[in-house]
Amino acid sequence: MATDPTHQAEAAIRLWSGIEPPNAAARRGLEDLPALIAEFAALRGTLVFEDEPSSFEAALREEQEPGT
């Protein structure tokens, strides 16, 4: 994978929306993309689904309609 996916992101924006790459504010947002990808890559293999089911179950129960 490329270390700087900015050009790929801009190409995807162009492809999906039919507009030219984003404005300056959006480009600044894209600057965060490589660091975000690196953070997720560092977590690869360390998390499994079973790590969080209890909080998911709690959220489901919290949103459950009364009487069900």
N, C-alpha and C. Protein backbone atom coordinates (compact mmCIF):
# COMPACT_ATOMS: atom_id res chain seq x y z
N MET A 1 0.83 -1.18 0.00
CA MET A 1 0.00 0.00 0.00
C MET A 1 0.88 1.24 0.00
N ALA A 2 0.44 2.25 -0.69
CA ALA A 2 1.20 3.49 -0.74
C ALA A 2 1.23 4.14 0.64
N THR A 3 2.33 4.84 0.94
CA THR A 3 2.42 5.48 2.24
C THR A 3 1.60 6.76 2.28
N ASP A 4 1.32 7.37 1.14
CA ASP A 4 0.49 8.57 1.09
C ASP A 4 -0.68 8.34 0.14
N PRO A 5 -1.84 8.00 0.70
CA PRO A 5 -3.00 7.68 -0.13
C PRO A 5 -3.78 8.90 -0.61
N THR A 6 -3.23 10.11 -0.42
CA THR A 6 -3.97 11.33 -0.77
C THR A 6 -4.38 11.34 -2.23
N HIS A 7 -3.47 10.99 -3.12
CA HIS A 7 -3.80 11.01 -4.55
C HIS A 7 -4.88 9.98 -4.87
N GLN A 8 -4.82 8.83 -4.21
CA GLN A 8 -5.86 7.82 -4.42
C GLN A 8 -7.20 8.31 -3.90
N ALA A 9 -7.20 8.98 -2.76
CA ALA A 9 -8.44 9.51 -2.20
C ALA A 9 -9.03 10.57 -3.13
N GLU A 10 -8.18 11.43 -3.65
CA GLU A 10 -8.65 12.45 -4.59
C GLU A 10 -9.22 11.82 -5.85
N ALA A 11 -8.57 10.76 -6.33
CA ALA A 11 -9.07 10.07 -7.52
C ALA A 11 -10.43 9.43 -7.23
N ALA A 12 -10.60 8.88 -6.02
CA ALA A 12 -11.88 8.29 -5.65
C ALA A 12 -12.96 9.35 -5.57
N ILE A 13 -12.62 10.51 -5.03
CA ILE A 13 -13.58 11.62 -4.96
C ILE A 13 -14.01 12.01 -6.37
N ARG A 14 -13.04 12.11 -7.26
CA ARG A 14 -13.33 12.47 -8.65
C ARG A 14 -14.21 11.41 -9.30
N LEU A 15 -13.91 10.14 -9.05
CA LEU A 15 -14.65 9.04 -9.65
C LEU A 15 -16.08 8.98 -9.14
N TRP A 16 -16.25 9.05 -7.81
CA TRP A 16 -17.57 8.86 -7.21
C TRP A 16 -18.46 10.08 -7.32
N SER A 17 -17.87 11.28 -7.29
CA SER A 17 -18.71 12.48 -7.27
C SER A 17 -18.69 13.24 -8.58
N GLY A 18 -17.69 12.97 -9.41
CA GLY A 18 -17.58 13.68 -10.68
C GLY A 18 -17.08 15.10 -10.52
N ILE A 19 -16.51 15.42 -9.37
CA ILE A 19 -15.95 16.75 -9.16
C ILE A 19 -14.45 16.65 -9.01
N GLU A 20 -13.80 17.77 -9.19
CA GLU A 20 -12.35 17.80 -9.01
C GLU A 20 -12.01 17.63 -7.54
N PRO A 21 -10.76 17.32 -7.25
CA PRO A 21 -10.37 17.11 -5.85
C PRO A 21 -10.88 18.22 -4.96
N PRO A 22 -11.02 17.89 -3.68
CA PRO A 22 -11.68 18.81 -2.74
C PRO A 22 -10.94 20.12 -2.53
N ASN A 23 -11.62 20.99 -1.82
CA ASN A 23 -11.06 22.31 -1.52
C ASN A 23 -9.93 22.19 -0.49
N ALA A 24 -9.38 23.33 -0.11
CA ALA A 24 -8.22 23.34 0.79
C ALA A 24 -8.55 22.71 2.14
N ALA A 25 -9.74 22.97 2.67
CA ALA A 25 -10.10 22.38 3.97
C ALA A 25 -10.16 20.86 3.88
N ALA A 26 -10.71 20.34 2.81
CA ALA A 26 -10.79 18.89 2.64
C ALA A 26 -9.39 18.30 2.43
N ARG A 27 -8.55 19.00 1.71
CA ARG A 27 -7.17 18.51 1.54
C ARG A 27 -6.46 18.41 2.88
N ARG A 28 -6.70 19.38 3.77
CA ARG A 28 -6.09 19.30 5.11
C ARG A 28 -6.62 18.07 5.85
N GLY A 29 -7.89 17.77 5.66
CA GLY A 29 -8.46 16.57 6.27
C GLY A 29 -7.82 15.31 5.73
N LEU A 30 -7.55 15.31 4.43
CA LEU A 30 -6.90 14.14 3.83
C LEU A 30 -5.48 13.96 4.33
N GLU A 31 -4.87 15.03 4.82
CA GLU A 31 -3.51 14.92 5.34
C GLU A 31 -3.45 14.00 6.56
N ASP A 32 -4.58 13.87 7.27
CA ASP A 32 -4.63 13.01 8.45
C ASP A 32 -4.77 11.53 8.08
N LEU A 33 -5.11 11.25 6.84
CA LEU A 33 -5.40 9.89 6.43
C LEU A 33 -4.23 8.92 6.63
N PRO A 34 -3.00 9.25 6.22
CA PRO A 34 -1.90 8.29 6.43
C PRO A 34 -1.69 7.92 7.90
N ALA A 35 -1.80 8.89 8.80
CA ALA A 35 -1.62 8.60 10.23
C ALA A 35 -2.76 7.72 10.74
N LEU A 36 -3.97 7.98 10.29
CA LEU A 36 -5.12 7.17 10.71
C LEU A 36 -4.96 5.73 10.23
N ILE A 37 -4.54 5.56 8.99
CA ILE A 37 -4.32 4.21 8.46
C ILE A 37 -3.23 3.50 9.26
N ALA A 38 -2.17 4.21 9.61
CA ALA A 38 -1.08 3.62 10.39
C ALA A 38 -1.58 3.19 11.77
N GLU A 39 -2.45 4.00 12.38
CA GLU A 39 -2.99 3.63 13.70
C GLU A 39 -3.83 2.36 13.61
N PHE A 40 -4.66 2.26 12.58
CA PHE A 40 -5.45 1.04 12.41
C PHE A 40 -4.55 -0.16 12.10
N ALA A 41 -3.52 0.04 11.29
CA ALA A 41 -2.61 -1.05 10.96
C ALA A 41 -1.90 -1.55 12.21
N ALA A 42 -1.58 -0.65 13.12
CA ALA A 42 -0.90 -1.05 14.36
C ALA A 42 -1.80 -1.93 15.23
N LEU A 43 -3.12 -1.77 15.10
CA LEU A 43 -4.06 -2.57 15.88
C LEU A 43 -4.36 -3.92 15.26
N ARG A 44 -3.96 -4.09 14.01
CA ARG A 44 -4.27 -5.34 13.31
C ARG A 44 -3.75 -6.53 14.10
N GLY A 45 -4.64 -7.47 14.32
CA GLY A 45 -4.28 -8.68 15.02
C GLY A 45 -4.37 -8.58 16.54
N THR A 46 -4.65 -7.39 17.05
CA THR A 46 -4.72 -7.25 18.50
C THR A 46 -6.14 -7.24 19.04
N LEU A 47 -7.11 -6.98 18.19
CA LEU A 47 -8.51 -6.93 18.61
C LEU A 47 -9.27 -8.09 17.99
N VAL A 48 -10.17 -8.63 18.76
CA VAL A 48 -11.05 -9.68 18.25
C VAL A 48 -12.48 -9.33 18.65
N PHE A 49 -13.44 -9.88 17.95
CA PHE A 49 -14.83 -9.56 18.21
C PHE A 49 -15.20 -9.79 19.65
N GLU A 50 -14.68 -10.83 20.24
CA GLU A 50 -15.06 -11.21 21.59
C GLU A 50 -14.60 -10.20 22.64
N ASP A 51 -13.75 -9.24 22.25
CA ASP A 51 -13.28 -8.25 23.22
C ASP A 51 -14.39 -7.31 23.67
N GLU A 52 -15.42 -7.11 22.87
CA GLU A 52 -16.41 -6.09 23.19
C GLU A 52 -17.87 -6.53 23.24
N PRO A 53 -18.21 -7.78 23.23
CA PRO A 53 -19.65 -8.09 23.17
C PRO A 53 -20.44 -7.62 24.38
N SER A 54 -19.80 -7.54 25.54
CA SER A 54 -20.57 -7.15 26.72
C SER A 54 -21.07 -5.72 26.60
N SER A 55 -20.25 -4.81 26.08
CA SER A 55 -20.71 -3.43 25.92
C SER A 55 -21.76 -3.34 24.81
N PHE A 56 -21.65 -4.18 23.80
CA PHE A 56 -22.65 -4.22 22.74
C PHE A 56 -23.98 -4.72 23.31
N GLU A 57 -23.90 -5.76 24.10
CA GLU A 57 -25.12 -6.29 24.74
C GLU A 57 -25.74 -5.24 25.65
N ALA A 58 -24.93 -4.51 26.37
CA ALA A 58 -25.44 -3.47 27.27
C ALA A 58 -26.14 -2.37 26.48
N ALA A 59 -25.57 -2.00 25.34
CA ALA A 59 -26.18 -0.97 24.50
C ALA A 59 -27.52 -1.46 23.96
N LEU A 60 -27.59 -2.72 23.56
CA LEU A 60 -28.86 -3.27 23.08
C LEU A 60 -29.92 -3.25 24.17
N ARG A 61 -29.54 -3.65 25.37
CA ARG A 61 -30.50 -3.67 26.48
C ARG A 61 -30.95 -2.25 26.84
N GLU A 62 -30.03 -1.32 26.78
CA GLU A 62 -30.34 0.07 27.11
C GLU A 62 -31.38 0.65 26.14
N GLU A 63 -31.33 0.23 24.88
CA GLU A 63 -32.23 0.76 23.87
C GLU A 63 -33.49 -0.08 23.71
N GLN A 64 -33.58 -1.16 24.44
CA GLN A 64 -34.74 -2.05 24.33
C GLN A 64 -36.01 -1.35 24.78
N GLU A 65 -37.08 -1.58 24.05
CA GLU A 65 -38.36 -0.98 24.41
C GLU A 65 -38.87 -1.59 25.71
N PRO A 66 -39.49 -0.79 26.53
CA PRO A 66 -40.04 -1.31 27.80
C PRO A 66 -41.07 -2.41 27.53
N GLY A 67 -41.02 -3.44 28.35
CA GLY A 67 -41.98 -4.52 28.25
C GLY A 67 -41.63 -5.59 27.25
N THR A 68 -40.47 -5.51 26.62
CA THR A 68 -40.11 -6.57 25.67
C THR A 68 -39.04 -7.46 26.25
